[in-house]
Amino acid sequence: MDLKSGYPYWAVKNGLMYAFPQLDADLDCDVVVVGAGITGALIADELAGHGHEVVVLDRRDVGWGSTSASTALLQYEIDTHATDLAARYDEASALLAYRSCLHAIGRIGALAEAVGDVDFAHCQSLYYASNRADQSRLADEFAWRKKHRFPVQWFGRAALGDEYGLTAPAAILSKVAARVDPYRLASRLLRRLQRRGARVFDRTNVASITATARSVRLTTERGLSVKARHVVMANGYEAQHWLRQRVAQNRSSYAYISDPVERDEMGWLRNTLLWESARPYLYLRSTGDGRLLVGGEDDDRDMPARRDRMVDRKAAILQRQVARLLPHLRARPAFAWAGTFAETTDGLPLFGRHPQYGPRVLFALAYGGNGITYSMLGAGLLRAQIERRPHPLSKLFSFARLG
C-alpha cells in the first residue's frame, strides 16, 4: 500500500536513522507486534518494559510508512467535540476519553525525555471558530471543559485580535499540548528496545495469520514462521487488509513545511498549536529548528497517483490560507507531502480483539487526528488485555461500539 506522496520532512531531515535486520529464521516469542511505526514502537516499548518477550516486524524500513508523513500534533482535544461524544454515548464516556488523552500528553513527554533528542516540546493549543456559526458550538464546548476543570481559557473576537492578531469570532486556548518528531521518536524507541534485547526486523512482510485458542502463527512472504502467544496488528492504515469489516474511511491529507522563520516573525506560534473548527481543518505548528508546519486540505480520495499530482497544488492552497489568516507571516513551502489518513465515525480509535479472529490477535488502530496520543493510551490498554486485566478504556475503544 502506497501511504505517502512528495517529500515528508521527517524523512528528509533524519534520513534512515538505524539499520535493522530482515527476518532470516523461524522464531518463537511472547508477543509479535506487526508494524514498526510510532504506534508499534509505543506498544512494543510498553510490553517489553513489563517483562514480555517482544518481536517487532515491518514490511518497510522502520518508521518509513505513515509515521514519516505524520505532522504529530499532540493534543488531548479530539477531532470530535466532547459535547458531541457525550450526546452520542454519555457524559462519562466523553469525560473518560478527554481525561485519558490529557494524561497521555504527560506520559509521552516523560517517554520522550527518557529517550532523548526527539524534538519534543510542551506547548499550548489555540482552537478558533472558523465562522460565526461555529462560535456557539465552541462556547458550549468551552463550558463543558470548564465544568470538568480542563485547563482552558476563552478568547472573544477583540481579545483574540489583541493577543494573537487573529481575526476570528472566538477561540479556546488549551494549556496542554505538545509536538514531537514522530519518526525520530519511533526510531530511537525501537533502537533502545533492540539494545535491551527485543528483536526488531524490517523489510519482513507478513503473508498470513493462523490463530488458535493457544497461539498465533505468522508466516512471511519468504515462508518463515513466527509463533507467539499474542499478535498485535499495529500496521496502521494497512491493518484494514486483515479485516473483512470496514472500520474506517481512508482519505488523503496534505502538509508542507517552511524554511526556518525568524523568531520574532514566528511569534506566539513558537509555543502554540493553531487549528480551526471547520472540517477538514487548517492547522499550524512550529518545529524545534524554527520552521512552520502547515497541514489540512483533506479530501476523500485515497488514490496514490492522484495524491501525487495534488501535493504542490494543495500546498499552494494551504499557503494562501495561512497568508489570509496571518498576513505578516512569510511561510512558503520548502517541502510538501501528503499521506493516507483514516478516521472513524466518532473520532475514537479501535484497540483490542476483533470477532473475526480469536482472543490471541489484537488490533491497534489509532485513527484520527490524535494518533500518537491514542497510541500511548492503546499501549497500556493492549498490555492489560494480554495480561487479562481490566482497563477503563477497553469498552470505549473496542470494535463492539461499531455494532
Foldseek 3Di string as FASTA:
>chain_A
DAFKAFDQPLCVVCPQPDDAAADDAAAEFAEEEEALFLLSLLLQLLQVVVPGQYEYEYQARHNPHCLSNFQFKQDLQFLFFLVRVCVVPHNVLSVVSSVLSLVLLVVVVVLCVVLDDWQKDWFKEKEFAPAPVCPVVVVVSVVSCVVVPFQKDKDAQVRCCVPPVFHGGIIIMGGTIMGTSRSVSSVSSVVVVVVVPHHYHYSWAWDDWDDDPQWIWTATPVGHIYIHRAYEHEHEPCCVVVDPDDFKAKWKKKKFKFDADDPVLCPSLQRYKYWYSDVVIWIWHATPRRMIMIITPIDRDDDVVVQNVCFVVVLVVRQVVVCVGRVSHDGHGPIMMMGMAIAGPNRAAAWADDVVHDRRYIYGHQGHSNSSSSSNVRSVCVSCSSVVHDDPCDVVRHPVVVD
